[in-house]
Amino acid sequence: MNAIRTAQAGSLESQDILITIDPGKKDSGIIIDLDSPSKVQYGKQILEEIESIVTSMDISDVKIKAVDKGALGFTIKARTEVALQRACRKDDE
């Protein structure tokens, strides 16, 4: 499955994360850009969480922009799943 449109989920409110999905170029793989005030401390964990979700949904060739404002793991998972579902959904679904 691949992203066919740009989609977002989340917000820039405190303790949330804004996930933006863009279709990637063919064979570009999973590209994640993380912006977070706690990137030094938790960046690797956030990136692994997002990549794990993308992989579990069998999605490839996608660009993800994540703007974290202190979101917990379950919030990151929920926002990522919803954004990916929106990006992969066809208009007739």
PDB file of N, CA and C in Angstrom:
ATOM      1  N   MET A   1       0.855  -1.162   0.000  1.00  0.00           N
ATOM      2  CA  MET A   1       0.000   0.000   0.000  1.00  0.00           C
ATOM      3  C   MET A   1       0.905   1.230   0.000  1.00  0.00           C
ATOM      4  N   ASN A   2       0.454   2.272  -0.688  1.00  0.00           N
ATOM      5  CA  ASN A   2       1.218   3.509  -0.738  1.00  0.00           C
ATOM      6  C   ASN A   2       0.314   4.703  -0.503  1.00  0.00           C
ATOM      7  N   ALA A   3       0.900   5.768  -0.010  1.00  0.00           N
ATOM      8  CA  ALA A   3       0.161   7.021   0.164  1.00  0.00           C
ATOM      9  C   ALA A   3      -0.138   7.590  -1.221  1.00  0.00           C
ATOM     10  N   ILE A   4      -1.361   8.050  -1.410  1.00  0.00           N
ATOM     11  CA  ILE A   4      -1.742   8.619  -2.703  1.00  0.00           C
ATOM     12  C   ILE A   4      -2.065  10.104  -2.604  1.00  0.00           C
ATOM     13  N   ARG A   5      -2.077  10.636  -1.395  1.00  0.00           N
ATOM     14  CA  ARG A   5      -2.381  12.058  -1.197  1.00  0.00           C
ATOM     15  C   ARG A   5      -1.716  12.538   0.088  1.00  0.00           C
ATOM     16  N   THR A   6      -1.648  13.856   0.233  1.00  0.00           N
ATOM     17  CA  THR A   6      -1.156  14.453   1.470  1.00  0.00           C
ATOM     18  C   THR A   6      -2.266  14.402   2.511  1.00  0.00           C
ATOM     19  N   ALA A   7      -1.903  14.060   3.733  1.00  0.00           N
ATOM     20  CA  ALA A   7      -2.894  13.978   4.816  1.00  0.00           C
ATOM     21  C   ALA A   7      -2.231  14.350   6.136  1.00  0.00           C
ATOM     22  N   GLN A   8      -3.071  14.800   7.083  1.00  0.00           N
ATOM     23  CA  GLN A   8      -2.586  15.187   8.406  1.00  0.00           C
ATOM     24  C   GLN A   8      -3.460  14.597   9.494  1.00  0.00           C
ATOM     25  N   ALA A   9      -2.862  14.490  10.675  1.00  0.00           N
ATOM     26  CA  ALA A   9      -3.607  14.138  11.887  1.00  0.00           C
ATOM     27  C   ALA A   9      -2.865  14.748  13.063  1.00  0.00           C
ATOM     28  N   GLY A  10      -3.627  15.193  14.051  1.00  0.00           N
ATOM     29  CA  GLY A  10      -3.035  15.765  15.249  1.00  0.00           C
ATOM     30  C   GLY A  10      -3.107  17.277  15.261  1.00  0.00           C
ATOM     31  N   SER A  11      -2.361  17.874  16.187  1.00  0.00           N
ATOM     32  CA  SER A  11      -2.357  19.332  16.323  1.00  0.00           C
ATOM     33  C   SER A  11      -1.022  19.777  16.910  1.00  0.00           C
ATOM     34  N   LEU A  12      -0.864  21.075  17.030  1.00  0.00           N
ATOM     35  CA  LEU A  12       0.346  21.641  17.623  1.00  0.00           C
ATOM     36  C   LEU A  12       0.134  22.036  19.077  1.00  0.00           C
ATOM     37  N   GLU A  13      -0.917  21.488  19.673  1.00  0.00           N
ATOM     38  CA  GLU A  13      -1.196  21.749  21.085  1.00  0.00           C
ATOM     39  C   GLU A  13      -0.194  20.991  21.962  1.00  0.00           C
ATOM     40  N   SER A  14      -0.066  21.428  23.186  1.00  0.00           N
ATOM     41  CA  SER A  14       0.812  20.763  24.140  1.00  0.00           C
ATOM     42  C   SER A  14       0.394  19.302  24.318  1.00  0.00           C
ATOM     43  N   GLN A  15       1.359  18.416  24.430  1.00  0.00           N
ATOM     44  CA  GLN A  15       1.169  16.977  24.606  1.00  0.00           C
ATOM     45  C   GLN A  15       0.472  16.312  23.417  1.00  0.00           C
ATOM     46  N   ASP A  16       0.693  16.854  22.223  1.00  0.00           N
ATOM     47  CA  ASP A  16       0.143  16.274  20.998  1.00  0.00           C
ATOM     48  C   ASP A  16       1.269  16.227  19.970  1.00  0.00           C
ATOM     49  N   ILE A  17       0.965  15.697  18.812  1.00  0.00           N
ATOM     50  CA  ILE A  17       1.915  15.635  17.707  1.00  0.00           C
ATOM     51  C   ILE A  17       1.141  15.850  16.413  1.00  0.00           C
ATOM     52  N   LEU A  18       1.713  16.602  15.491  1.00  0.00           N
ATOM     53  CA  LEU A  18       1.115  16.817  14.182  1.00  0.00           C
ATOM     54  C   LEU A  18       1.888  15.963  13.187  1.00  0.00           C
ATOM     55  N   ILE A  19       1.190  15.023  12.578  1.00  0.00           N
ATOM     56  CA  ILE A  19       1.786  14.124  11.591  1.00  0.00           C
ATOM     57  C   ILE A  19       1.272  14.525  10.213  1.00  0.00           C
ATOM     58  N   THR A  20       2.191  14.802   9.294  1.00  0.00           N
ATOM     59  CA  THR A  20       1.841  15.111   7.910  1.00  0.00           C
ATOM     60  C   THR A  20       2.464  14.045   7.019  1.00  0.00           C
ATOM     61  N   ILE A  21       1.630  13.451   6.179  1.00  0.00           N
ATOM     62  CA  ILE A  21       2.057  12.384   5.269  1.00  0.00           C
ATOM     63  C   ILE A  21       2.045  12.925   3.843  1.00  0.00           C
ATOM     64  N   ASP A  22       3.116  12.684   3.117  1.00  0.00           N
ATOM     65  CA  ASP A  22       3.193  13.006   1.691  1.00  0.00           C
ATOM     66  C   ASP A  22       3.622  11.750   0.948  1.00  0.00           C
ATOM     67  N   PRO A  23       3.053  11.523  -0.243  1.00  0.00           N
ATOM     68  CA  PRO A  23       3.506  10.379  -1.034  1.00  0.00           C
ATOM     69  C   PRO A  23       4.990  10.544  -1.366  1.00  0.00           C
ATOM     70  N   GLY A  24       5.736   9.475  -1.282  1.00  0.00           N
ATOM     71  CA  GLY A  24       7.154   9.513  -1.626  1.00  0.00           C
ATOM     72  C   GLY A  24       7.371   9.105  -3.071  1.00  0.00           C
ATOM     73  N   LYS A  25       8.562   9.386  -3.562  1.00  0.00           N
ATOM     74  CA  LYS A  25       8.918   8.950  -4.906  1.00  0.00           C
ATOM     75  C   LYS A  25       9.137   7.440  -4.887  1.00  0.00           C
ATOM     76  N   LYS A  26       8.960   6.825  -6.031  1.00  0.00           N
ATOM     77  CA  LYS A  26       9.114   5.374  -6.144  1.00  0.00           C
ATOM     78  C   LYS A  26      10.489   4.943  -5.629  1.00  0.00           C
ATOM     79  N   ASP A  27      10.485   3.933  -4.786  1.00  0.00           N
ATOM     80  CA  ASP A  27      11.690   3.356  -4.182  1.00  0.00           C
ATOM     81  C   ASP A  27      12.454   4.319  -3.267  1.00  0.00           C
ATOM     82  N   SER A  28      11.766   5.338  -2.749  1.00  0.00           N
ATOM     83  CA  SER A  28      12.428   6.286  -1.835  1.00  0.00           C
ATOM     84  C   SER A  28      12.444   5.771  -0.399  1.00  0.00           C
ATOM     85  N   GLY A  29      11.563   4.827  -0.088  1.00  0.00           N
ATOM     86  CA  GLY A  29      11.502   4.276   1.260  1.00  0.00           C
ATOM     87  C   GLY A  29      10.730   5.170   2.215  1.00  0.00           C
ATOM     88  N   ILE A  30      10.967   4.970   3.490  1.00  0.00           N
ATOM     89  CA  ILE A  30      10.288   5.733   4.541  1.00  0.00           C
ATOM     90  C   ILE A  30      11.222   6.851   4.991  1.00  0.00           C
ATOM     91  N   ILE A  31      10.795   8.092   4.790  1.00  0.00           N
ATOM     92  CA  ILE A  31      11.586   9.257   5.184  1.00  0.00           C
ATOM     93  C   ILE A  31      10.815   9.988   6.274  1.00  0.00           C
ATOM     94  N   ILE A  32      11.429  10.143   7.430  1.00  0.00           N
ATOM     95  CA  ILE A  32      10.765  10.792   8.563  1.00  0.00           C
ATOM     96  C   ILE A  32      11.581  12.003   8.994  1.00  0.00           C
ATOM     97  N   ASP A  33      10.916  13.154   9.053  1.00  0.00           N
ATOM     98  CA  ASP A  33      11.529  14.392   9.540  1.00  0.00           C
ATOM     99  C   ASP A  33      10.857  14.733  10.868  1.00  0.00           C
ATOM    100  N   LEU A  34      11.622  14.722  11.936  1.00  0.00           N
ATOM    101  CA  LEU A  34      11.081  14.968  13.273  1.00  0.00           C
ATOM    102  C   LEU A  34      11.526  16.322  13.795  1.00  0.00           C
ATOM    103  N   ASP A  35      10.552  17.102  14.248  1.00  0.00           N
ATOM    104  CA  ASP A  35      10.816  18.376  14.916  1.00  0.00           C
ATOM    105  C   ASP A  35      10.227  18.260  16.318  1.00  0.00           C
ATOM    106  N   SER A  36      11.092  18.304  17.326  1.00  0.00           N
ATOM    107  CA  SER A  36      10.634  18.109  18.692  1.00  0.00           C
ATOM    108  C   SER A  36      11.572  18.809  19.667  1.00  0.00           C
ATOM    109  N   PRO A  37      11.006  19.467  20.683  1.00  0.00           N
ATOM    110  CA  PRO A  37      11.873  20.074  21.695  1.00  0.00           C
ATOM    111  C   PRO A  37      12.619  19.016  22.520  1.00  0.00           C
ATOM    112  N   SER A  38      12.134  17.803  22.511  1.00  0.00           N
ATOM    113  CA  SER A  38      12.793  16.722  23.259  1.00  0.00           C
ATOM    114  C   SER A  38      13.474  15.721  22.320  1.00  0.00           C
ATOM    115  N   LYS A  39      13.889  16.206  21.143  1.00  0.00           N
ATOM    116  CA  LYS A  39      14.488  15.328  20.137  1.00  0.00           C
ATOM    117  C   LYS A  39      15.758  14.643  20.648  1.00  0.00           C
ATOM    118  N   VAL A  40      16.579  15.368  21.383  1.00  0.00           N
ATOM    119  CA  VAL A  40      17.820  14.783  21.896  1.00  0.00           C
ATOM    120  C   VAL A  40      17.512  13.629  22.843  1.00  0.00           C
ATOM    121  N   GLN A  41      16.507  13.819  23.686  1.00  0.00           N
ATOM    122  CA  GLN A  41      16.194  12.827  24.707  1.00  0.00           C
ATOM    123  C   GLN A  41      15.341  11.670  24.172  1.00  0.00           C
ATOM    124  N   TYR A  42      14.317  11.991  23.364  1.00  0.00           N
ATOM    125  CA  TYR A  42      13.348  10.973  22.944  1.00  0.00           C
ATOM    126  C   TYR A  42      13.238  10.791  21.429  1.00  0.00           C
ATOM    127  N   GLY A  43      14.049  11.490  20.659  1.00  0.00           N
ATOM    128  CA  GLY A  43      13.939  11.455  19.204  1.00  0.00           C
ATOM    129  C   GLY A  43      14.021  10.067  18.602  1.00  0.00           C
ATOM    130  N   LYS A  44      14.992   9.279  19.043  1.00  0.00           N
ATOM    131  CA  LYS A  44      15.159   7.924  18.501  1.00  0.00           C
ATOM    132  C   LYS A  44      13.926   7.076  18.775  1.00  0.00           C
ATOM    133  N   GLN A  45      13.382   7.183  19.972  1.00  0.00           N
ATOM    134  CA  GLN A  45      12.191   6.410  20.347  1.00  0.00           C
ATOM    135  C   GLN A  45      10.981   6.826  19.501  1.00  0.00           C
ATOM    136  N   ILE A  46      10.809   8.120  19.278  1.00  0.00           N
ATOM    137  CA  ILE A  46       9.684   8.615  18.472  1.00  0.00           C
ATOM    138  C   ILE A  46       9.822   8.126  17.038  1.00  0.00           C
ATOM    139  N   LEU A  47      11.016   8.238  16.469  1.00  0.00           N
ATOM    140  CA  LEU A  47      11.248   7.788  15.094  1.00  0.00           C
ATOM    141  C   LEU A  47      10.995   6.288  14.950  1.00  0.00           C
ATOM    142  N   GLU A  48      11.452   5.505  15.916  1.00  0.00           N
ATOM    143  CA  GLU A  48      11.222   4.056  15.874  1.00  0.00           C
ATOM    144  C   GLU A  48       9.739   3.728  15.957  1.00  0.00           C
ATOM    145  N   GLU A  49       9.009   4.451  16.790  1.00  0.00           N
ATOM    146  CA  GLU A  49       7.560   4.237  16.939  1.00  0.00           C
ATOM    147  C   GLU A  49       6.844   4.503  15.614  1.00  0.00           C
ATOM    148  N   ILE A  50       7.162   5.634  14.980  1.00  0.00           N
ATOM    149  CA  ILE A  50       6.518   5.992  13.713  1.00  0.00           C
ATOM    150  C   ILE A  50       6.876   4.979  12.634  1.00  0.00           C
ATOM    151  N   GLU A  51       8.154   4.638  12.520  1.00  0.00           N
ATOM    152  CA  GLU A  51       8.577   3.680  11.496  1.00  0.00           C
ATOM    153  C   GLU A  51       7.933   2.313  11.705  1.00  0.00           C
ATOM    154  N   SER A  52       7.786   1.894  12.941  1.00  0.00           N
ATOM    155  CA  SER A  52       7.148   0.620  13.255  1.00  0.00           C
ATOM    156  C   SER A  52       5.699   0.591  12.769  1.00  0.00           C
ATOM    157  N   ILE A  53       4.995   1.681  12.953  1.00  0.00           N
ATOM    158  CA  ILE A  53       3.594   1.760  12.528  1.00  0.00           C
ATOM    159  C   ILE A  53       3.498   1.722  11.009  1.00  0.00           C
ATOM    160  N   VAL A  54       4.360   2.486  10.338  1.00  0.00           N
ATOM    161  CA  VAL A  54       4.364   2.502   8.869  1.00  0.00           C
ATOM    162  C   VAL A  54       4.640   1.098   8.338  1.00  0.00           C
ATOM    163  N   THR A  55       5.616   0.436   8.899  1.00  0.00           N
ATOM    164  CA  THR A  55       5.981  -0.913   8.472  1.00  0.00           C
ATOM    165  C   THR A  55       4.846  -1.904   8.731  1.00  0.00           C
ATOM    166  N   SER A  56       4.202  -1.797   9.888  1.00  0.00           N
ATOM    167  CA  SER A  56       3.117  -2.725  10.221  1.00  0.00           C
ATOM    168  C   SER A  56       1.911  -2.550   9.307  1.00  0.00           C
ATOM    169  N   MET A  57       1.751  -1.358   8.742  1.00  0.00           N
ATOM    170  CA  MET A  57       0.651  -1.106   7.808  1.00  0.00           C
ATOM    171  C   MET A  57       1.063  -1.413   6.369  1.00  0.00           C
ATOM    172  N   ASP A  58       2.280  -1.940   6.183  1.00  0.00           N
ATOM    173  CA  ASP A  58       2.806  -2.339   4.877  1.00  0.00           C
ATOM    174  C   ASP A  58       2.792  -1.178   3.884  1.00  0.00           C
ATOM    175  N   ILE A  59       3.262  -0.035   4.347  1.00  0.00           N
ATOM    176  CA  ILE A  59       3.328   1.161   3.507  1.00  0.00           C
ATOM    177  C   ILE A  59       4.791   1.449   3.213  1.00  0.00           C
ATOM    178  N   SER A  60       5.071   1.769   1.953  1.00  0.00           N
ATOM    179  CA  SER A  60       6.437   2.110   1.560  1.00  0.00           C
ATOM    180  C   SER A  60       6.406   3.408   0.754  1.00  0.00           C
ATOM    181  N   ASP A  61       7.568   3.974   0.535  1.00  0.00           N
ATOM    182  CA  ASP A  61       7.697   5.189  -0.267  1.00  0.00           C
ATOM    183  C   ASP A  61       6.803   6.311   0.252  1.00  0.00           C
ATOM    184  N   VAL A  62       7.133   6.789   1.440  1.00  0.00           N
ATOM    185  CA  VAL A  62       6.319   7.820   2.084  1.00  0.00           C
ATOM    186  C   VAL A  62       7.235   8.813   2.804  1.00  0.00           C
ATOM    187  N   LYS A  63       6.838  10.091   2.777  1.00  0.00           N
ATOM    188  CA  LYS A  63       7.542  11.131   3.525  1.00  0.00           C
ATOM    189  C   LYS A  63       6.652  11.551   4.687  1.00  0.00           C
ATOM    190  N   ILE A  64       7.224  11.591   5.870  1.00  0.00           N
ATOM    191  CA  ILE A  64       6.463  11.934   7.068  1.00  0.00           C
ATOM    192  C   ILE A  64       7.141  13.094   7.778  1.00  0.00           C
ATOM    193  N   LYS A  65       6.362  14.118   8.078  1.00  0.00           N
ATOM    194  CA  LYS A  65       6.825  15.246   8.888  1.00  0.00           C
ATOM    195  C   LYS A  65       6.105  15.142  10.221  1.00  0.00           C
ATOM    196  N   ALA A  66       6.863  15.019  11.297  1.00  0.00           N
ATOM    197  CA  ALA A  66       6.290  14.904  12.633  1.00  0.00           C
ATOM    198  C   ALA A  66       6.738  16.099  13.465  1.00  0.00           C
ATOM    199  N   VAL A  67       5.765  16.873  13.949  1.00  0.00           N
ATOM    200  CA  VAL A  67       6.056  18.008  14.822  1.00  0.00           C
ATOM    201  C   VAL A  67       5.505  17.654  16.196  1.00  0.00           C
ATOM    202  N   ASP A  68       6.404  17.281  17.079  1.00  0.00           N
ATOM    203  CA  ASP A  68       6.035  16.787  18.403  1.00  0.00           C
ATOM    204  C   ASP A  68       6.005  17.914  19.422  1.00  0.00           C
ATOM    205  N   LYS A  69       4.995  17.885  20.271  1.00  0.00           N
ATOM    206  CA  LYS A  69       4.871  18.849  21.368  1.00  0.00           C
ATOM    207  C   LYS A  69       4.733  18.114  22.698  1.00  0.00           C
ATOM    208  N   GLY A  70       5.443  17.000  22.826  1.00  0.00           N
ATOM    209  CA  GLY A  70       5.429  16.251  24.080  1.00  0.00           C
ATOM    210  C   GLY A  70       4.406  15.136  24.129  1.00  0.00           C
ATOM    211  N   ALA A  71       4.068  14.578  22.962  1.00  0.00           N
ATOM    212  CA  ALA A  71       3.062  13.515  22.898  1.00  0.00           C
ATOM    213  C   ALA A  71       3.585  12.221  23.520  1.00  0.00           C
ATOM    214  N   LEU A  72       2.679  11.489  24.138  1.00  0.00           N
ATOM    215  CA  LEU A  72       2.995  10.167  24.671  1.00  0.00           C
ATOM    216  C   LEU A  72       2.893   9.130  23.555  1.00  0.00           C
ATOM    217  N   GLY A  73       3.407   7.938  23.807  1.00  0.00           N
ATOM    218  CA  GLY A  73       3.460   6.893  22.792  1.00  0.00           C
ATOM    219  C   GLY A  73       2.127   6.552  22.160  1.00  0.00           C
ATOM    220  N   PHE A  74       1.074   6.439  22.970  1.00  0.00           N
ATOM    221  CA  PHE A  74      -0.230   6.076  22.407  1.00  0.00           C
ATOM    222  C   PHE A  74      -0.771   7.180  21.500  1.00  0.00           C
ATOM    223  N   THR A  75      -0.443   8.430  21.791  1.00  0.00           N
ATOM    224  CA  THR A  75      -0.871   9.547  20.941  1.00  0.00           C
ATOM    225  C   THR A  75      -0.115   9.517  19.618  1.00  0.00           C
ATOM    226  N   ILE A  76       1.174   9.266  19.675  1.00  0.00           N
ATOM    227  CA  ILE A  76       1.984   9.174  18.459  1.00  0.00           C
ATOM    228  C   ILE A  76       1.444   8.063  17.564  1.00  0.00           C
ATOM    229  N   LYS A  77       1.137   6.926  18.154  1.00  0.00           N
ATOM    230  CA  LYS A  77       0.607   5.789  17.392  1.00  0.00           C
ATOM    231  C   LYS A  77      -0.727   6.136  16.743  1.00  0.00           C
ATOM    232  N   ALA A  78      -1.643   6.699  17.508  1.00  0.00           N
ATOM    233  CA  ALA A  78      -2.973   7.023  16.986  1.00  0.00           C
ATOM    234  C   ALA A  78      -2.894   8.048  15.859  1.00  0.00           C
ATOM    235  N   ARG A  79      -2.124   9.111  16.064  1.00  0.00           N
ATOM    236  CA  ARG A  79      -2.014  10.165  15.041  1.00  0.00           C
ATOM    237  C   ARG A  79      -1.369   9.628  13.766  1.00  0.00           C
ATOM    238  N   THR A  80      -0.354   8.799  13.914  1.00  0.00           N
ATOM    239  CA  THR A  80       0.324   8.241  12.743  1.00  0.00           C
ATOM    240  C   THR A  80      -0.606   7.320  11.966  1.00  0.00           C
ATOM    241  N   GLU A  81      -1.322   6.451  12.660  1.00  0.00           N
ATOM    242  CA  GLU A  81      -2.248   5.531  11.990  1.00  0.00           C
ATOM    243  C   GLU A  81      -3.330   6.290  11.227  1.00  0.00           C
ATOM    244  N   VAL A  82      -3.923   7.293  11.851  1.00  0.00           N
ATOM    245  CA  VAL A  82      -5.002   8.050  11.202  1.00  0.00           C
ATOM    246  C   VAL A  82      -4.474   8.799   9.981  1.00  0.00           C
ATOM    247  N   ALA A  83      -3.328   9.448  10.109  1.00  0.00           N
ATOM    248  CA  ALA A  83      -2.762  10.180   8.974  1.00  0.00           C
ATOM    249  C   ALA A  83      -2.460   9.238   7.809  1.00  0.00           C
ATOM    250  N   LEU A  84      -1.916   8.062   8.106  1.00  0.00           N
ATOM    251  CA  LEU A  84      -1.624   7.091   7.050  1.00  0.00           C
ATOM    252  C   LEU A  84      -2.902   6.567   6.400  1.00  0.00           C
ATOM    253  N   GLN A  85      -3.925   6.299   7.193  1.00  0.00           N
ATOM    254  CA  GLN A  85      -5.199   5.844   6.632  1.00  0.00           C
ATOM    255  C   GLN A  85      -5.791   6.905   5.712  1.00  0.00           C
ATOM    256  N   ARG A  86      -5.727   8.154   6.116  1.00  0.00           N
ATOM    257  CA  ARG A  86      -6.246   9.243   5.281  1.00  0.00           C
ATOM    258  C   ARG A  86      -5.436   9.384   3.993  1.00  0.00           C
ATOM    259  N   ALA A  87      -4.123   9.228   4.090  1.00  0.00           N
ATOM    260  CA  ALA A  87      -3.253   9.388   2.925  1.00  0.00           C
ATOM    261  C   ALA A  87      -3.427   8.261   1.913  1.00  0.00           C
ATOM    262  N   CYS A  88      -3.815   7.084   2.382  1.00  0.00           N
ATOM    263  CA  CYS A  88      -3.948   5.916   1.507  1.00  0.00           C
ATOM    264  C   CYS A  88      -5.374   5.681   1.030  1.00  0.00           C
ATOM    265  N   ARG A  89      -6.334   6.397   1.583  1.00  0.00           N
ATOM    266  CA  ARG A  89      -7.743   6.180   1.248  1.00  0.00           C
ATOM    267  C   ARG A  89      -8.072   6.754  -0.129  1.00  0.00           C
ATOM    268  N   LYS A  90      -8.810   5.984  -0.889  1.00  0.00           N
ATOM    269  CA  LYS A  90      -9.302   6.461  -2.179  1.00  0.00           C
ATOM    270  C   LYS A  90     -10.597   7.219  -1.951  1.00  0.00           C
ATOM    271  N   ASP A  91     -10.965   8.082  -2.881  1.00  0.00           N
ATOM    272  CA  ASP A  91     -12.165   8.908  -2.723  1.00  0.00           C
ATOM    273  C   ASP A  91     -13.443   8.098  -2.605  1.00  0.00           C
ATOM    274  N   ASP A  92     -13.487   6.914  -3.207  1.00  0.00           N
ATOM    275  CA  ASP A  92     -14.713   6.112  -3.189  1.00  0.00           C
ATOM    276  C   ASP A  92     -14.825   5.230  -1.950  1.00  0.00           C
ATOM    277  N   GLU A  93     -13.876   5.313  -1.027  1.00  0.00           N
ATOM    278  CA  GLU A  93     -13.929   4.490   0.195  1.00  0.00           C
ATOM    279  C   GLU A  93     -14.569   5.242   1.325  1.00  0.00           C
TER     280      GLU A  93
END
